[in-house]
Amino acid sequence: MAASLIKPVAGALALAFLSILAGGALLSLAIEAFRGSTEGFAAFDSYLWRIARFTILQALLSMVLSVGFAIPLACALHSQQSFPGRGMILRLFALPLALPALVAVLGITSIYGRNGLLASTFAWLGLDIVPDIYGLTGILLAHVFFNLPLATRLILSSLDSIPEDYWKLSSQLGMSNWTQFKLIEWPVILRNISGVAGLIFMLCITSFTVVLTLGGGPRATTLEVAIYQSLHFDFDIARAVSLTLLQLCLTIAVLSVLSLAGRPTEEGFSMRTTTRRLDTPSWQARTWNITLILLGFLFIALPIVGTVVSGLSADLTRLLSETMVWRAIATSLILGATAAALSLIISMSLVIAREFLATRRRYASAGMFERSLDLGASLIMVVPPIVIGAGWFILSRHFVDPFSIAPLMVVCVNAAMAIPFAFRILRPSWDTAASRNNRLCEQLGITGWNRLQIIDWPVLKRPLGIAFAFAMALSLGDLGTIALFGNDSILTLPYLLLQRMGSYRTDDAAGLALILAALCLILMIIADRGATSLARRDSNNG
């Protein structure tokens, strides 16, 4: 009897941790909002509403550009299935997901900045054109760099679901390329476009690092950056509370709309074989498709190459001889590993408790506690990290120095940030293993540590490794929480990189960006290979 209570209790404790983390921040904001009544409401001035409008505008434009370019690019990739290097391009399109935002910003600057490749090309051609990457232009460039590959892979995955017979029939009827798009491809894209667009809009509306580094001033500031500035530079609590409450309301409103719009039916991260097409595109269509593919390839590849080239041109030997750099690396690895471990503990507790309750209820409808376990895994989507950080920063200043609890806050917030991903990786493996082994283990009396060691661990060790690598990579590249709580006594690689950028030590920043990118990419490669092996094993078992 006692053993059967362990699973729901573990789930309840994990849910309590997430509730305290988010609820404490929201409670702090509510108390501050009503403590100084008139002062708090006075902070809702024209400047705040202008920031809110810009937050929505940049997210909307980023979404339109990303999805607008992704549709023809995905169709071109689907049409040119024998294009040389197609698989390599699809793998390249996964890299922006692994790159920390700060690293990608430096790569984009190396291409489109005042001293970048584009400016050098204009000067070589004798054109008096100096690119200005700061402001809305730079924000849109960076967001499209991150989200165009994501949207392309999601849309391409939906095109892969088109039955092969459709292409056979279109070939027999001699359909033109436009007719094929209108009658075959567009209806499939249309079913998923709202989910893809909504996902990208949500990512852009909660963007922090891109806007902080490329915004260029008050005219291009979003709510999250304004929260950081209010607390870190101005220490204007009333304005920070107003901004945070508005950001929270905006996030909830967007998520409510997304729940109505749906989400993509495929996640678009698999490398499975594309359905065979029997149509033969005309030479004009092939030329158009190949041009689109090459342009998309260059748009994504150039900033990545720029990051590598800039990083290698820095004095890496001197950087790696600095004690501060090694301290930042060690701090990042320790905090990242701790956050990843905490994320796995909480995620596994939620997964195990949810499966236990679902098995016990059999065919009855799910209870409130079981539904709460599912919702708890996605709590960070409702309450963004910057809102949690701001709430606890404001609350902790009444008891301790907020900067003294920086390690704790970084670990907790980064762990919560990774839970939706870890939960999704772990849940299918645990549910499948439990459905296969529960009854047999009960009959044989295998419980507790013996079951974990003999039955569960062989099944879970690979998804646990994947989830840990992914969660640690997310934590390593995060800047939001450490930017709010960080100081000279606790340095992470992103925070040190931001300091070097702020002091115009661009060579050092490029070298640090390369080191950070290498660490994150190594972790993502481990996760990707583990996921591929796991998918292959499941396919063989199926």
Protein backbone atom coordinates (compact mmCIF):
# COMPACT_ATOMS: atom_id res chain seq x y z
CA MET A 1 0.00 0.00 0.00
CA ALA A 2 2.81 2.38 0.95
CA ALA A 3 4.66 1.60 -2.28
CA SER A 4 1.60 2.49 -4.36
CA LEU A 5 1.49 5.95 -2.74
CA ILE A 6 5.06 6.83 -3.72
CA LYS A 7 4.22 7.53 -7.37
CA PRO A 8 1.32 9.99 -6.84
CA VAL A 9 3.19 11.64 -3.95
CA ALA A 10 6.22 12.18 -6.20
CA GLY A 11 3.95 13.71 -8.83
CA ALA A 12 2.31 15.93 -6.23
CA LEU A 13 5.71 17.15 -5.00
CA ALA A 14 6.83 17.92 -8.56
CA LEU A 15 3.58 19.77 -9.20
CA ALA A 16 4.01 21.66 -5.92
CA PHE A 17 7.51 22.77 -6.95
CA LEU A 18 6.23 24.17 -10.24
CA SER A 19 3.23 25.77 -8.56
CA ILE A 20 5.43 27.48 -5.95
CA LEU A 21 7.89 28.62 -8.61
CA ALA A 22 5.20 30.20 -10.79
CA GLY A 23 2.70 31.01 -8.03
CA GLY A 24 5.30 32.73 -5.84
CA ALA A 25 6.27 35.00 -8.71
CA LEU A 26 2.64 35.84 -9.52
CA LEU A 27 1.81 36.43 -5.85
CA SER A 28 4.76 38.78 -5.54
CA LEU A 29 3.59 40.75 -8.56
CA ALA A 30 0.02 40.93 -7.21
CA ILE A 31 1.20 42.19 -3.81
CA GLU A 32 3.43 44.83 -5.39
CA ALA A 33 0.66 45.88 -7.77
CA PHE A 34 -1.79 46.60 -4.94
CA ARG A 35 0.70 47.82 -2.36
CA GLY A 36 1.28 51.13 -4.02
CA SER A 37 -2.13 51.28 -5.78
CA THR A 38 -1.90 54.62 -7.59
CA GLU A 39 1.83 54.36 -8.28
CA GLY A 40 1.41 50.90 -9.81
CA PHE A 41 -1.48 51.90 -12.04
CA ALA A 42 0.27 55.15 -13.00
CA ALA A 43 3.00 53.03 -14.56
CA PHE A 44 0.51 52.04 -17.29
CA ASP A 45 1.46 55.06 -19.38
CA SER A 46 1.85 55.70 -23.09
CA TYR A 47 5.43 54.37 -23.07
CA LEU A 48 4.28 51.00 -21.74
CA TRP A 49 1.54 50.68 -24.34
CA ARG A 50 4.01 51.63 -27.08
CA ILE A 51 6.29 48.81 -25.95
CA ALA A 52 3.34 46.42 -25.97
CA ARG A 53 2.44 47.45 -29.53
CA PHE A 54 6.03 46.96 -30.69
CA THR A 55 6.15 43.53 -28.98
CA ILE A 56 3.11 42.41 -30.96
CA LEU A 57 4.28 44.10 -34.19
CA GLN A 58 7.73 42.47 -34.28
CA ALA A 59 6.25 39.06 -33.44
CA LEU A 60 3.59 39.43 -36.15
CA LEU A 61 6.08 40.53 -38.82
CA SER A 62 8.54 37.79 -37.83
CA MET A 63 5.78 35.21 -38.10
CA VAL A 64 4.59 36.45 -41.51
CA LEU A 65 8.13 36.54 -42.94
CA SER A 66 9.13 33.16 -41.52
CA VAL A 67 6.01 31.31 -42.66
CA GLY A 68 5.75 33.26 -45.92
CA PHE A 69 9.25 32.19 -46.99
CA ALA A 70 8.95 28.70 -45.49
CA ILE A 71 5.97 27.65 -47.64
CA PRO A 72 7.69 27.93 -51.06
CA LEU A 73 10.98 26.64 -49.61
CA ALA A 74 9.29 23.54 -48.14
CA CYS A 75 7.46 22.91 -51.43
CA ALA A 76 10.75 23.24 -53.33
CA LEU A 77 12.51 20.78 -51.00
CA HIS A 78 9.59 18.35 -51.32
CA SER A 79 9.59 18.62 -55.11
CA GLN A 80 13.37 18.22 -55.55
CA GLN A 81 13.80 14.94 -53.70
CA SER A 82 16.94 14.00 -55.62
CA PHE A 83 18.60 17.38 -55.11
CA PRO A 84 22.28 16.83 -54.15
CA GLY A 85 22.85 17.63 -50.49
CA ARG A 86 19.15 17.72 -49.63
CA GLY A 87 19.66 15.65 -46.46
CA MET A 88 22.57 17.87 -45.45
CA ILE A 89 20.42 20.97 -45.88
CA LEU A 90 17.69 19.50 -43.68
CA ARG A 91 20.29 18.74 -41.01
CA LEU A 92 21.65 22.27 -41.35
CA PHE A 93 18.13 23.58 -40.75
CA ALA A 94 18.20 21.90 -37.33
CA LEU A 95 21.28 23.85 -36.22
CA PRO A 96 19.55 27.17 -35.39
CA LEU A 97 17.46 25.26 -32.84
CA ALA A 98 20.68 24.22 -31.08
CA LEU A 99 22.48 27.56 -31.26
CA PRO A 100 22.10 29.92 -28.29
CA ALA A 101 20.46 33.17 -29.38
CA LEU A 102 23.50 35.22 -28.40
CA VAL A 103 25.77 33.11 -30.62
CA ALA A 104 23.41 33.40 -33.57
CA VAL A 105 23.22 37.19 -33.10
CA LEU A 106 27.00 37.46 -33.44
CA GLY A 107 26.88 35.30 -36.56
CA ILE A 108 24.18 37.48 -38.10
CA THR A 109 26.16 40.61 -37.23
CA SER A 110 29.24 39.16 -38.95
CA ILE A 111 27.24 38.94 -42.19
CA TYR A 112 24.80 41.86 -42.08
CA GLY A 113 26.48 44.27 -39.65
CA ARG A 114 28.34 47.50 -40.42
CA ASN A 115 31.63 45.61 -40.68
CA GLY A 116 30.14 42.37 -41.97
CA LEU A 117 30.36 40.46 -45.22
CA LEU A 118 27.49 42.36 -46.85
CA ALA A 119 29.02 45.77 -46.08
CA SER A 120 32.41 44.57 -47.41
CA THR A 121 30.74 43.36 -50.60
CA PHE A 122 29.03 46.73 -51.11
CA ALA A 123 32.34 48.53 -50.56
CA TRP A 124 34.11 46.22 -53.05
CA LEU A 125 31.40 46.99 -55.62
CA GLY A 126 31.88 50.71 -55.01
CA LEU A 127 28.43 51.17 -53.48
CA ASP A 128 28.06 53.65 -50.65
CA ILE A 129 25.65 51.45 -48.66
CA VAL A 130 26.18 50.77 -44.95
CA PRO A 131 23.75 48.17 -43.53
CA ASP A 132 22.03 49.11 -40.27
CA ILE A 133 21.21 45.90 -38.45
CA TYR A 134 20.04 47.43 -35.18
CA GLY A 135 16.37 48.05 -34.56
CA LEU A 136 13.40 46.29 -36.14
CA THR A 137 15.44 45.16 -39.17
CA GLY A 138 17.96 43.24 -37.06
CA ILE A 139 15.24 41.72 -34.87
CA LEU A 140 13.35 40.45 -37.93
CA LEU A 141 16.54 39.06 -39.50
CA ALA A 142 17.40 37.13 -36.36
CA HIS A 143 13.88 35.83 -35.83
CA VAL A 144 13.59 34.66 -39.43
CA PHE A 145 17.00 32.98 -39.10
CA PHE A 146 15.72 30.99 -36.12
CA ASN A 147 12.16 30.33 -37.28
CA LEU A 148 12.43 29.86 -41.05
CA PRO A 149 14.15 26.45 -40.66
CA LEU A 150 11.62 25.42 -38.00
CA ALA A 151 8.64 26.42 -40.15
CA THR A 152 10.18 24.77 -43.23
CA ARG A 153 10.68 21.45 -41.46
CA LEU A 154 7.18 21.51 -39.99
CA ILE A 155 5.56 22.27 -43.35
CA LEU A 156 7.78 19.74 -45.14
CA SER A 157 6.69 17.12 -42.64
CA SER A 158 3.03 17.83 -43.44
CA LEU A 159 3.80 17.52 -47.17
CA ASP A 160 5.40 14.14 -46.47
CA SER A 161 2.01 12.93 -45.26
CA ILE A 162 0.43 13.34 -48.72
CA PRO A 163 -0.43 9.86 -50.09
CA GLU A 164 1.72 8.69 -52.98
CA ASP A 165 -1.39 8.00 -55.05
CA TYR A 166 -2.09 11.75 -55.24
CA TRP A 167 1.19 12.33 -57.07
CA LYS A 168 0.57 9.36 -59.33
CA LEU A 169 -2.85 10.74 -60.28
CA SER A 170 -1.52 14.27 -60.81
CA SER A 171 1.16 12.87 -63.13
CA GLN A 172 -1.41 10.91 -65.13
CA LEU A 173 -3.64 13.99 -65.47
CA GLY A 174 -0.71 16.19 -66.49
CA MET A 175 -1.34 18.79 -63.80
CA SER A 176 0.75 21.96 -63.91
CA ASN A 177 2.89 22.95 -60.93
CA TRP A 178 0.42 25.62 -59.88
CA THR A 179 -2.50 23.18 -60.08
CA GLN A 180 -0.59 20.65 -57.99
CA PHE A 181 0.10 23.30 -55.36
CA LYS A 182 -3.51 24.52 -55.33
CA LEU A 183 -5.22 21.11 -55.23
CA ILE A 184 -2.72 18.85 -53.43
CA GLU A 185 -0.14 20.79 -51.41
CA TRP A 186 -2.03 23.85 -50.20
CA PRO A 187 -4.94 21.96 -48.51
CA VAL A 188 -2.39 19.96 -46.47
CA ILE A 189 -0.39 23.09 -45.61
CA LEU A 190 -3.57 24.95 -44.70
CA ARG A 191 -4.51 22.33 -42.09
CA ASN A 192 -1.24 22.95 -40.24
CA ILE A 193 -0.45 26.59 -41.03
CA SER A 194 -2.31 28.04 -38.04
CA GLY A 195 -0.38 25.84 -35.63
CA VAL A 196 2.97 26.63 -37.27
CA ALA A 197 2.26 30.37 -37.36
CA GLY A 198 1.00 30.38 -33.78
CA LEU A 199 4.06 28.55 -32.50
CA ILE A 200 6.42 31.02 -34.19
CA PHE A 201 4.38 34.00 -32.99
CA MET A 202 4.65 32.68 -29.41
CA LEU A 203 8.41 32.20 -29.74
CA CYS A 204 8.87 35.73 -31.06
CA ILE A 205 6.59 37.46 -28.56
CA THR A 206 8.66 36.00 -25.69
CA SER A 207 12.01 36.68 -27.38
CA PHE A 208 14.53 38.28 -25.03
CA THR A 209 18.16 37.88 -26.12
CA VAL A 210 17.58 38.88 -29.75
CA VAL A 211 15.78 42.09 -28.82
CA LEU A 212 18.23 42.91 -26.01
CA THR A 213 21.24 42.74 -28.37
CA LEU A 214 19.75 43.95 -31.66
CA GLY A 215 16.97 46.27 -30.48
CA GLY A 216 19.26 49.28 -30.56
CA GLY A 217 17.42 51.41 -28.01
CA PRO A 218 14.03 52.38 -26.53
CA ARG A 219 12.33 52.57 -29.94
CA ALA A 220 12.81 48.83 -30.47
CA THR A 221 12.13 47.35 -27.04
CA THR A 222 9.79 44.52 -26.13
CA LEU A 223 8.08 43.88 -22.82
CA GLU A 224 10.61 41.27 -21.67
CA VAL A 225 13.58 43.54 -22.34
CA ALA A 226 11.79 46.47 -20.67
CA ILE A 227 11.23 44.30 -17.56
CA TYR A 228 14.96 43.54 -17.44
CA GLN A 229 15.87 47.22 -17.88
CA SER A 230 13.40 48.35 -15.20
CA LEU A 231 14.84 45.97 -12.62
CA HIS A 232 18.51 45.83 -13.57
CA PHE A 233 19.19 49.46 -14.46
CA ASP A 234 16.39 51.71 -13.17
CA PHE A 235 15.16 49.58 -10.26
CA ASP A 236 11.70 50.95 -10.96
CA ILE A 237 9.55 48.33 -9.21
CA ALA A 238 6.20 49.89 -10.16
CA ARG A 239 7.03 49.93 -13.85
CA ALA A 240 8.52 46.41 -13.69
CA VAL A 241 5.31 45.09 -12.11
CA SER A 242 3.16 46.81 -14.73
CA LEU A 243 5.29 45.45 -17.57
CA THR A 244 5.31 41.94 -16.11
CA LEU A 245 1.54 41.86 -15.61
CA LEU A 246 1.01 43.06 -19.17
CA GLN A 247 3.46 40.44 -20.48
CA LEU A 248 1.62 37.73 -18.53
CA CYS A 249 -1.78 38.82 -19.87
CA LEU A 250 -0.39 38.94 -23.40
CA THR A 251 1.11 35.44 -23.07
CA ILE A 252 -2.12 33.97 -21.73
CA ALA A 253 -4.11 35.63 -24.52
CA VAL A 254 -1.78 34.25 -27.20
CA LEU A 255 -1.84 30.74 -25.72
CA SER A 256 -5.65 30.87 -25.57
CA VAL A 257 -5.80 31.72 -29.25
CA LEU A 258 -3.25 28.97 -30.04
CA SER A 259 -5.37 26.39 -28.22
CA LEU A 260 -8.20 27.23 -30.62
CA ALA A 261 -5.96 27.31 -33.68
CA GLY A 262 -4.42 23.89 -33.00
CA ARG A 263 -0.87 22.82 -33.61
CA PRO A 264 1.06 21.05 -36.37
CA THR A 265 0.18 17.40 -36.73
CA GLU A 266 3.87 16.58 -37.16
CA GLU A 267 6.76 18.05 -35.24
CA GLY A 268 9.01 18.07 -38.27
CA PHE A 269 12.21 16.93 -36.59
CA SER A 270 12.38 13.44 -38.01
CA MET A 271 14.48 12.53 -40.99
CA ARG A 272 12.12 9.89 -42.31
CA THR A 273 11.86 9.13 -46.00
CA THR A 274 9.76 11.49 -48.08
CA THR A 275 6.85 10.07 -50.08
CA ARG A 276 7.91 9.28 -53.63
CA ARG A 277 6.71 11.76 -56.23
CA LEU A 278 6.04 10.54 -59.75
CA ASP A 279 5.59 13.95 -61.39
CA THR A 280 8.37 15.55 -63.41
CA PRO A 281 8.72 19.31 -62.86
CA SER A 282 9.40 21.51 -65.88
CA TRP A 283 12.84 23.08 -66.25
CA GLN A 284 11.40 26.44 -65.18
CA ALA A 285 9.99 24.85 -62.02
CA ARG A 286 13.28 23.06 -61.30
CA THR A 287 15.21 26.30 -61.76
CA TRP A 288 12.83 28.10 -59.41
CA ASN A 289 13.01 25.30 -56.81
CA ILE A 290 16.79 25.05 -56.90
CA THR A 291 17.13 28.83 -56.62
CA LEU A 292 14.87 28.86 -53.55
CA ILE A 293 16.78 26.00 -51.94
CA LEU A 294 20.14 27.67 -52.51
CA LEU A 295 18.90 31.01 -51.18
CA GLY A 296 17.47 29.31 -48.08
CA PHE A 297 20.71 27.38 -47.62
CA LEU A 298 22.82 30.55 -47.85
CA PHE A 299 20.55 32.50 -45.50
CA ILE A 300 21.00 29.87 -42.78
CA ALA A 301 24.57 28.77 -43.53
CA LEU A 302 26.27 32.17 -43.79
CA PRO A 303 25.68 33.31 -40.16
CA ILE A 304 26.78 29.89 -38.91
CA VAL A 305 29.94 30.06 -41.01
CA GLY A 306 30.40 33.67 -39.87
CA THR A 307 30.26 32.53 -36.23
CA VAL A 308 32.92 29.88 -36.84
CA VAL A 309 35.20 32.18 -38.86
CA SER A 310 34.91 35.03 -36.35
CA GLY A 311 35.50 32.67 -33.46
CA LEU A 312 38.58 31.10 -35.05
CA SER A 313 40.00 34.54 -35.86
CA ALA A 314 39.85 35.48 -32.16
CA ASP A 315 42.78 34.84 -29.86
CA LEU A 316 41.43 31.57 -28.47
CA THR A 317 44.74 30.72 -26.80
CA ARG A 318 44.61 33.90 -24.73
CA LEU A 319 40.92 33.45 -23.97
CA LEU A 320 41.41 29.90 -22.77
CA SER A 321 44.26 31.06 -20.56
CA GLU A 322 41.99 33.49 -18.68
CA THR A 323 40.82 32.31 -15.29
CA MET A 324 37.55 34.20 -15.75
CA VAL A 325 36.71 32.26 -18.91
CA TRP A 326 37.31 28.89 -17.27
CA ARG A 327 35.28 30.03 -14.26
CA ALA A 328 32.43 30.95 -16.60
CA ILE A 329 32.69 27.59 -18.39
CA ALA A 330 32.72 25.68 -15.10
CA THR A 331 29.80 27.72 -13.72
CA SER A 332 27.77 27.17 -16.90
CA LEU A 333 28.43 23.42 -16.88
CA ILE A 334 27.63 23.04 -13.17
CA LEU A 335 24.44 25.11 -13.34
CA GLY A 336 23.43 23.50 -16.63
CA ALA A 337 23.96 19.95 -15.35
CA THR A 338 22.12 20.74 -12.10
CA ALA A 339 19.19 22.30 -13.96
CA ALA A 340 19.05 19.33 -16.36
CA ALA A 341 19.10 16.83 -13.48
CA LEU A 342 16.33 18.72 -11.64
CA SER A 343 14.34 18.88 -14.88
CA LEU A 344 14.60 15.10 -15.29
CA ILE A 345 13.58 14.42 -11.68
CA ILE A 346 10.49 16.62 -11.96
CA SER A 347 9.59 15.35 -15.44
CA MET A 348 9.91 11.68 -14.42
CA SER A 349 7.82 12.33 -11.30
CA LEU A 350 5.07 13.85 -13.44
CA VAL A 351 5.28 11.08 -16.05
CA ILE A 352 5.22 8.22 -13.53
CA ALA A 353 2.38 9.71 -11.49
CA ARG A 354 0.30 10.42 -14.60
CA GLU A 355 0.74 6.87 -15.92
CA PHE A 356 -0.04 5.38 -12.49
CA LEU A 357 -3.31 7.31 -12.21
CA ALA A 358 -4.27 6.58 -15.83
CA THR A 359 -3.74 2.83 -15.24
CA ARG A 360 -5.69 2.79 -12.00
CA ARG A 361 -8.75 4.58 -13.40
CA ARG A 362 -8.90 2.20 -16.41
CA TYR A 363 -11.75 3.44 -18.62
CA ALA A 364 -13.02 6.24 -16.36
CA SER A 365 -12.41 9.87 -17.28
CA ALA A 366 -9.26 11.55 -16.03
CA GLY A 367 -9.51 13.29 -12.68
CA MET A 368 -8.40 16.80 -11.81
CA PHE A 369 -5.07 15.66 -10.34
CA GLU A 370 -4.16 13.66 -13.46
CA ARG A 371 -5.05 16.59 -15.72
CA SER A 372 -3.00 18.89 -13.49
CA LEU A 373 0.06 16.69 -14.00
CA ASP A 374 -0.22 17.17 -17.76
CA LEU A 375 -0.78 20.91 -17.41
CA GLY A 376 2.08 21.26 -14.93
CA ALA A 377 4.57 20.09 -17.54
CA SER A 378 3.56 23.03 -19.75
CA LEU A 379 3.31 25.63 -16.98
CA ILE A 380 6.42 27.46 -18.20
CA MET A 381 4.59 28.18 -21.46
CA VAL A 382 1.88 30.06 -19.56
CA VAL A 383 4.24 31.89 -17.18
CA PRO A 384 7.39 32.82 -19.17
CA PRO A 385 10.83 32.63 -17.50
CA ILE A 386 11.22 36.42 -17.43
CA VAL A 387 7.93 36.71 -15.49
CA ILE A 388 9.08 34.12 -12.97
CA GLY A 389 12.48 35.79 -12.65
CA ALA A 390 10.97 39.25 -12.22
CA GLY A 391 8.47 38.06 -9.62
CA TRP A 392 11.08 36.31 -7.48
CA PHE A 393 13.53 39.20 -7.89
CA ILE A 394 10.91 41.60 -6.51
CA LEU A 395 9.87 39.19 -3.73
CA SER A 396 13.37 38.20 -2.60
CA ARG A 397 14.57 41.78 -2.15
CA HIS A 398 12.41 42.00 1.03
CA PHE A 399 14.38 39.16 2.64
CA VAL A 400 17.81 38.79 1.00
CA ASP A 401 20.02 40.35 -1.62
CA PRO A 402 18.41 39.15 -4.90
CA PHE A 403 21.82 38.66 -6.50
CA SER A 404 22.87 36.24 -3.73
CA ILE A 405 20.26 33.70 -4.84
CA ALA A 406 21.29 33.84 -8.51
CA PRO A 407 22.48 30.18 -8.72
CA LEU A 408 19.24 28.90 -7.18
CA MET A 409 17.04 30.96 -9.50
CA VAL A 410 19.05 30.06 -12.62
CA VAL A 411 18.80 26.34 -11.81
CA CYS A 412 15.08 26.43 -10.95
CA VAL A 413 13.95 28.56 -13.89
CA ASN A 414 16.13 26.73 -16.42
CA ALA A 415 14.89 23.38 -15.11
CA ALA A 416 11.29 24.54 -15.50
CA MET A 417 12.09 25.82 -19.00
CA ALA A 418 13.29 22.35 -20.05
CA ILE A 419 10.44 20.36 -18.48
CA PRO A 420 8.03 20.56 -21.48
CA PHE A 421 10.73 19.02 -23.70
CA ALA A 422 11.93 16.43 -21.18
CA PHE A 423 8.35 15.41 -20.35
CA ARG A 424 7.59 14.86 -24.00
CA ILE A 425 10.74 12.77 -24.54
CA LEU A 426 10.24 10.59 -21.45
CA ARG A 427 6.49 10.03 -21.44
CA PRO A 428 6.18 7.76 -24.55
CA SER A 429 9.02 5.48 -23.38
CA TRP A 430 7.67 5.15 -19.85
CA ASP A 431 4.05 4.63 -20.93
CA THR A 432 5.07 1.95 -23.43
CA ALA A 433 7.32 0.14 -20.95
CA ALA A 434 4.68 0.33 -18.22
CA SER A 435 1.92 -1.09 -20.45
CA ARG A 436 4.18 -4.02 -21.36
CA ASN A 437 5.66 -4.82 -17.95
CA ASN A 438 3.25 -3.74 -15.18
CA ARG A 439 1.18 -6.91 -15.06
CA LEU A 440 4.18 -9.22 -15.32
CA CYS A 441 6.02 -7.35 -12.56
CA GLU A 442 2.96 -7.62 -10.30
CA GLN A 443 2.71 -11.36 -10.90
CA LEU A 444 6.41 -11.91 -10.20
CA GLY A 445 6.51 -9.50 -7.27
CA ILE A 446 9.23 -7.32 -8.83
CA THR A 447 8.97 -3.87 -7.21
CA GLY A 448 11.04 -0.92 -6.07
CA TRP A 449 14.77 -0.91 -6.74
CA ASN A 450 14.75 -4.38 -8.30
CA ARG A 451 12.21 -3.32 -10.91
CA LEU A 452 14.09 -0.12 -11.66
CA GLN A 453 17.39 -1.96 -12.10
CA ILE A 454 16.13 -4.98 -14.05
CA ILE A 455 13.08 -3.76 -15.98
CA ASP A 456 12.86 0.03 -16.23
CA TRP A 457 16.47 1.24 -16.45
CA PRO A 458 17.36 -0.60 -19.71
CA VAL A 459 14.33 1.02 -21.35
CA LEU A 460 14.74 4.49 -19.84
CA LYS A 461 18.49 5.08 -19.96
CA ARG A 462 18.53 6.26 -23.57
CA PRO A 463 15.54 8.68 -23.38
CA LEU A 464 16.89 9.93 -20.05
CA GLY A 465 20.25 10.64 -21.69
CA ILE A 466 18.54 12.43 -24.59
CA ALA A 467 16.41 14.55 -22.25
CA PHE A 468 19.41 15.39 -20.07
CA ALA A 469 21.54 16.49 -23.05
CA PHE A 470 18.70 18.60 -24.47
CA ALA A 471 17.88 20.21 -21.11
CA MET A 472 21.54 20.98 -20.43
CA ALA A 473 21.98 22.56 -23.87
CA LEU A 474 18.96 24.80 -23.23
CA SER A 475 20.34 25.83 -19.85
CA LEU A 476 23.85 26.50 -21.20
CA GLY A 477 22.57 28.95 -23.79
CA ASP A 478 20.02 30.75 -21.62
CA LEU A 479 20.59 34.43 -20.92
CA GLY A 480 17.24 35.61 -19.53
CA THR A 481 17.49 34.58 -15.87
CA ILE A 482 21.23 35.15 -15.46
CA ALA A 483 20.90 38.59 -17.06
CA LEU A 484 18.41 39.49 -14.33
CA PHE A 485 20.21 37.93 -11.35
CA GLY A 486 23.79 37.73 -12.62
CA ASN A 487 26.75 39.69 -11.27
CA ASP A 488 30.54 39.45 -11.20
CA SER A 489 30.45 36.80 -8.48
CA ILE A 490 28.51 34.36 -10.68
CA LEU A 491 29.53 34.32 -14.32
CA THR A 492 28.14 32.03 -16.98
CA LEU A 493 29.37 31.91 -20.56
CA PRO A 494 26.33 33.80 -21.97
CA TYR A 495 26.66 36.47 -19.27
CA LEU A 496 30.41 36.87 -19.86
CA LEU A 497 29.75 37.01 -23.60
CA LEU A 498 27.17 39.77 -23.06
CA GLN A 499 29.68 41.72 -20.94
CA ARG A 500 32.37 41.48 -23.62
CA MET A 501 29.88 42.63 -26.27
CA GLY A 502 28.83 45.55 -24.06
CA SER A 503 32.45 46.67 -23.66
CA TYR A 504 33.00 46.41 -27.45
CA ARG A 505 35.53 43.56 -27.15
CA THR A 506 34.11 41.93 -30.25
CA ASP A 507 37.02 39.55 -30.85
CA ASP A 508 36.69 38.12 -27.36
CA ALA A 509 32.93 37.89 -27.78
CA ALA A 510 33.37 35.96 -31.05
CA GLY A 511 35.74 33.51 -29.39
CA LEU A 512 33.41 32.97 -26.43
CA ALA A 513 30.50 32.50 -28.83
CA LEU A 514 32.40 29.73 -30.62
CA ILE A 515 33.16 27.98 -27.31
CA LEU A 516 29.52 28.24 -26.21
CA ALA A 517 28.25 27.05 -29.58
CA ALA A 518 30.61 24.08 -29.52
CA LEU A 519 29.39 23.00 -26.08
CA CYS A 520 25.72 23.29 -27.04
CA LEU A 521 26.19 21.57 -30.41
CA ILE A 522 28.01 18.64 -28.80
CA LEU A 523 25.07 18.16 -26.44
CA MET A 524 22.52 18.50 -29.26
CA ILE A 525 24.42 15.99 -31.43
CA ILE A 526 24.31 13.53 -28.54
CA ALA A 527 20.57 14.13 -28.16
CA ASP A 528 19.95 13.87 -31.93
CA ARG A 529 21.90 10.63 -32.32
CA GLY A 530 20.21 9.18 -29.27
CA ALA A 531 16.80 10.12 -30.67
CA THR A 532 17.68 8.57 -34.04
CA SER A 533 18.80 5.33 -32.38
CA LEU A 534 15.67 5.30 -30.24
CA ALA A 535 13.43 5.78 -33.27
CA ARG A 536 15.28 3.02 -35.15
CA ARG A 537 14.90 0.65 -32.19
CA ASP A 538 11.16 1.40 -31.88
CA SER A 539 10.75 0.87 -35.63
CA ASN A 540 12.48 -2.53 -35.43
CA ASN A 541 10.38 -3.54 -32.43
CA GLY A 542 7.25 -2.43 -34.24
